[in-house]
Structures are given as structure tokens and as C-alpha cells.
């Protein structure tokens, strides 16, 4: 193979690919599918099989993604994220901090929606029985974290998380917030 050096316009010869030993050129790029296999193996080593955690990969023109979905209760998301996010590769501009397009690998760890609905079902009777007031908040502790919830009307709720900001408005939003908090701690 012959290439032209842009600075001198003098042809330069490179060795043929077959003359470079495979061990001399370490492979630094892996496909999303290969990384998904590695994530599955690491999760299996923790005792979580495909019935408990789903790992899916997707490749597209400007990058790829891996979605890890927790299907069973009792698995802490923080542990799964620690394993999965080692395979995330996102490039940022050194000056602005913006994400650069092309070649990025996004990794997302989430809970199965049916699992969230089931975990949130226990909070619905409590939410429906709550009195409608403008200022009153009830406290509930979920997985060691305190949440303050109030009901303004038949459908409008307020939920203040441990960080102190309002983060939910409908009863399904509040149930979702509390269910995810419970699932994240693995305390279901």
C-alpha cells in the first residue's frame, strides 16, 4: 500500500497488513455487541442471568448504545451501573464540554416498566387516601431516604425528595418516584 504524506507529497510505503503480527497491534475498538457480551458475563459472575437482567446493543451510523434493563427486584442499580458504564465511550470537546458526534457508545441502565409498576402499586392506596390540602405534607421513608408528599387536588400531588426539590406531580409520577427509589436500593 502507498500513501501520500500531505506535507511533502512524497509517496511513503507501509508494510502490508499481513506482515504486522496481530500481537503487535493491540485492538482498542470493540463493537457494541461484543461489549454487551462482556457486560452479560460480568453480570452473570455476580449471579444475575438473562432472566434477571437484559442486555441489548444497538449500532447506528454515528455510534452505538447498550441498554441494560433490570427485570427482577432486589438488584441494586448502582452495582449494575458500575459494571455496565465501564463500556461507555463518549467523547467531549475539551473547550466547551459538548458531546462530539460520531463513534460514541452510550450505556443506559434502567428498570423494566412492569417492575416499576409492581413496586409502585403499594404506594397507590396511601396516595389515594391522602387528604387534599394546600400546605400539608406527609413523610414517607423509602429505602432509608425521606420523601415529603402532599396532595393539592384529586389528581395533583407534590413530592419533595431527599434533595429538597419538587420532582413529581401526578399520583402515577409520585408512585413511580417512590418505586424507583425502592428498586434502586435493591430493597424490594
Protein backbone atom coordinates (compact mmCIF):
# COMPACT_ATOMS: atom_id res chain seq x y z
CA UNK A 1 0.00 0.00 0.00
CA UNK A 2 1.25 3.50 -0.80
CA UNK A 3 0.10 6.70 0.89
CA UNK A 4 0.98 10.30 0.26
CA UNK A 5 2.22 12.45 3.14
CA UNK A 6 0.29 15.72 2.89
CA UNK A 7 3.28 17.84 3.97
CA UNK A 8 5.82 16.65 1.37
CA UNK A 9 3.71 14.97 -1.34
CA UNK A 10 6.33 12.22 -1.33
CA UNK A 11 4.93 8.67 -1.50
CA UNK A 12 5.63 6.58 1.57
CA UNK A 13 5.36 2.79 1.63
CA UNK A 14 3.75 0.97 4.52
CA UNK A 15 4.12 -2.73 5.26
CA UNK A 16 1.27 -4.92 4.09
CA UNK A 17 -1.26 -5.75 6.79
CA UNK A 18 -0.23 -9.40 6.74
CA UNK A 19 3.36 -8.55 7.74
CA UNK A 20 2.28 -6.90 11.01
CA UNK A 21 1.82 -9.54 13.71
CA UNK A 22 -1.58 -9.48 15.40
CA UNK A 23 0.03 -9.20 18.84
CA UNK A 24 1.93 -6.03 17.77
CA UNK A 25 -1.27 -4.11 17.06
CA UNK A 26 -3.50 -4.21 20.16
CA UNK A 27 -7.18 -3.94 19.42
CA UNK A 28 -8.72 -0.90 21.06
CA UNK A 29 -12.14 -0.87 19.42
CA UNK A 30 -14.90 -3.34 20.22
CA UNK A 31 -18.40 -3.47 18.82
CA UNK A 32 -21.45 -2.78 20.93
CA UNK A 33 -22.41 -6.44 20.59
CA UNK A 34 -19.01 -7.55 21.92
CA UNK A 35 -19.28 -5.16 24.84
CA UNK A 36 -22.81 -6.42 25.56
CA UNK A 37 -21.40 -9.97 25.77
CA UNK A 38 -18.76 -8.73 28.23
CA UNK A 39 -21.41 -6.97 30.33
CA UNK A 40 -23.54 -10.15 30.39
CA UNK A 41 -20.52 -12.18 31.55
CA UNK A 42 -19.72 -9.69 34.35
CA UNK A 43 -23.35 -9.67 35.49
CA UNK A 44 -23.51 -13.48 35.36
CA UNK A 45 -20.40 -13.60 37.59
CA UNK A 46 -22.48 -11.63 40.14
CA UNK A 47 -25.21 -14.27 39.90
CA UNK A 48 -27.60 -12.35 37.62
CA UNK A 49 -28.64 -14.20 34.47
CA UNK A 50 -30.69 -13.13 31.44
CA UNK A 51 -33.94 -13.74 33.34
CA UNK A 52 -32.94 -11.08 35.86
CA UNK A 53 -31.14 -8.56 33.63
CA UNK A 54 -31.49 -7.94 29.89
CA UNK A 55 -28.56 -6.52 27.90
CA UNK A 56 -29.26 -5.21 24.39
CA UNK A 57 -26.94 -3.45 21.98
CA UNK A 58 -27.69 -1.26 19.00
CA UNK A 59 -25.37 0.18 16.38
CA UNK A 60 -26.23 3.10 14.13
CA UNK A 61 -24.45 5.39 11.71
CA UNK A 62 -22.85 7.76 14.23
CA UNK A 63 -22.32 5.46 17.21
CA UNK A 64 -23.89 2.76 19.31
CA UNK A 65 -25.72 2.13 22.55
CA UNK A 66 -26.16 -0.59 25.13
CA UNK A 67 -29.32 -0.76 27.21
CA UNK A 68 -29.24 -2.80 30.40
CA UNK A 69 -32.71 -3.45 31.83
CA UNK A 70 -33.16 -4.85 35.33
CA UNK A 71 -36.05 -7.31 35.19
CA UNK A 72 -36.09 -8.61 38.79
CA UNK A 73 -36.46 -6.86 42.12
CA UNK A 74 -33.63 -6.92 44.63
CA UNK A 75 -30.84 -5.96 42.23
CA UNK A 76 -29.27 -2.60 43.10
CA UNK A 77 -28.97 -0.37 40.05
CA UNK A 78 -25.77 1.25 41.35
CA UNK A 79 -23.94 -2.08 41.17
CA UNK A 80 -25.22 -2.79 37.67
CA UNK A 81 -24.30 0.74 36.53
CA UNK A 82 -20.78 0.34 37.90
CA UNK A 83 -20.33 -2.77 35.75
CA UNK A 84 -22.07 -1.51 32.60
CA UNK A 85 -20.74 2.04 32.44
CA UNK A 86 -17.16 0.80 32.11
CA UNK A 87 -18.15 0.18 28.48
CA UNK A 88 -19.44 3.70 27.86
CA UNK A 89 -17.31 5.78 25.50
CA UNK A 90 -18.46 9.33 24.93
CA UNK A 91 -16.09 11.97 23.56
CA UNK A 92 -16.37 15.59 24.74
CA UNK A 93 -14.99 18.83 23.36
CA UNK A 94 -12.06 19.92 25.53
CA UNK A 95 -13.08 23.58 25.28
CA UNK A 96 -16.88 23.61 25.52
CA UNK A 97 -17.58 20.24 27.13
CA UNK A 98 -20.13 19.41 24.42
CA UNK A 99 -20.57 15.82 23.27
CA UNK A 100 -18.76 15.23 19.97
CA UNK A 101 -20.73 13.38 17.34
CA UNK A 102 -19.65 10.08 15.88
CA UNK A 103 -18.24 6.95 17.44
CA UNK A 104 -19.81 7.38 20.88
CA UNK A 105 -21.07 4.39 22.89
CA UNK A 106 -23.90 5.27 25.25
CA UNK A 107 -24.77 2.91 28.11
CA UNK A 108 -28.09 3.16 29.93
CA UNK A 109 -29.20 1.15 32.95
CA UNK A 110 -32.90 1.15 33.73
CA UNK A 111 -35.64 -0.86 35.41
CA UNK A 112 -38.29 -2.78 33.50
CA UNK A 113 -41.51 -0.72 33.39
CA UNK A 114 -43.63 -3.66 34.65
CA UNK A 115 -41.27 -4.00 37.61
CA UNK A 116 -41.65 -0.29 38.42
CA UNK A 117 -45.45 -0.53 38.17
CA UNK A 118 -45.50 -3.52 40.53
CA UNK A 119 -43.20 -1.79 43.04
CA UNK A 120 -45.27 1.40 42.85
CA UNK A 121 -48.59 -0.40 43.42
CA UNK A 122 -48.05 -0.48 47.20
CA UNK A 123 -47.90 3.35 47.31
CA UNK A 124 -51.15 3.97 45.38
CA UNK A 125 -53.61 3.27 48.26
CA UNK A 126 -51.56 5.58 50.52
CA UNK A 127 -51.62 8.32 47.85
CA UNK A 128 -55.36 7.93 47.17
CA UNK A 129 -56.19 8.12 50.88
CA UNK A 130 -54.19 11.32 51.33
CA UNK A 131 -56.21 14.42 52.26
CA UNK A 132 -56.41 17.32 49.83
CA UNK A 133 -54.71 20.39 51.34
CA UNK A 134 -52.57 23.26 50.09
CA UNK A 135 -49.81 23.16 52.70
CA UNK A 136 -49.76 19.78 54.42
CA UNK A 137 -47.07 17.25 53.57
CA UNK A 138 -46.84 13.67 54.75
CA UNK A 139 -43.50 11.96 55.22
CA UNK A 140 -42.58 8.53 53.95
CA UNK A 141 -39.25 6.76 54.19
CA UNK A 142 -38.27 4.63 51.22
CA UNK A 143 -35.00 2.70 51.30
CA UNK A 144 -33.66 4.90 54.08
CA UNK A 145 -34.47 8.16 52.28
CA UNK A 146 -37.20 10.52 53.40
CA UNK A 147 -39.77 11.91 50.94
CA UNK A 148 -42.43 14.55 51.68
CA UNK A 149 -45.66 14.21 49.73
CA UNK A 150 -48.70 16.47 49.60
CA UNK A 151 -51.97 16.40 47.68
CA UNK A 152 -53.34 19.67 46.20
CA UNK A 153 -56.33 18.28 44.29
CA UNK A 154 -57.80 14.97 43.18
CA UNK A 155 -55.00 14.49 40.61
CA UNK A 156 -52.23 16.88 41.64
CA UNK A 157 -49.57 15.80 44.11
CA UNK A 158 -46.29 17.30 45.26
CA UNK A 159 -43.31 15.15 46.11
CA UNK A 160 -40.13 16.54 47.61
CA UNK A 161 -37.22 14.13 47.53
CA UNK A 162 -34.22 13.99 49.85
CA UNK A 163 -32.55 16.70 47.76
CA UNK A 164 -35.40 19.05 48.66
CA UNK A 165 -36.75 19.82 45.18
CA UNK A 166 -40.20 19.02 43.88
CA UNK A 167 -39.98 16.11 41.49
CA UNK A 168 -43.44 14.69 40.78
CA UNK A 169 -46.93 15.97 40.12
CA UNK A 170 -49.44 13.18 39.39
CA UNK A 171 -50.18 10.16 41.55
CA UNK A 172 -48.52 7.90 38.97
CA UNK A 173 -45.45 10.22 38.97
CA UNK A 174 -45.17 10.03 42.76
CA UNK A 175 -45.67 6.26 42.79
CA UNK A 176 -43.03 5.98 40.04
CA UNK A 177 -40.55 8.15 42.00
CA UNK A 178 -41.04 6.14 45.20
CA UNK A 179 -40.90 2.79 43.36
CA UNK A 180 -37.64 3.67 41.59
CA UNK A 181 -36.12 4.78 44.91
CA UNK A 182 -37.09 1.44 46.41
CA UNK A 183 -35.78 -0.54 43.44
CA UNK A 184 -32.51 1.43 43.25
CA UNK A 185 -31.65 0.40 46.77
CA UNK A 186 -32.50 -3.22 45.97
CA UNK A 187 -34.95 -3.20 48.85
CA UNK A 188 -37.97 -4.83 47.23
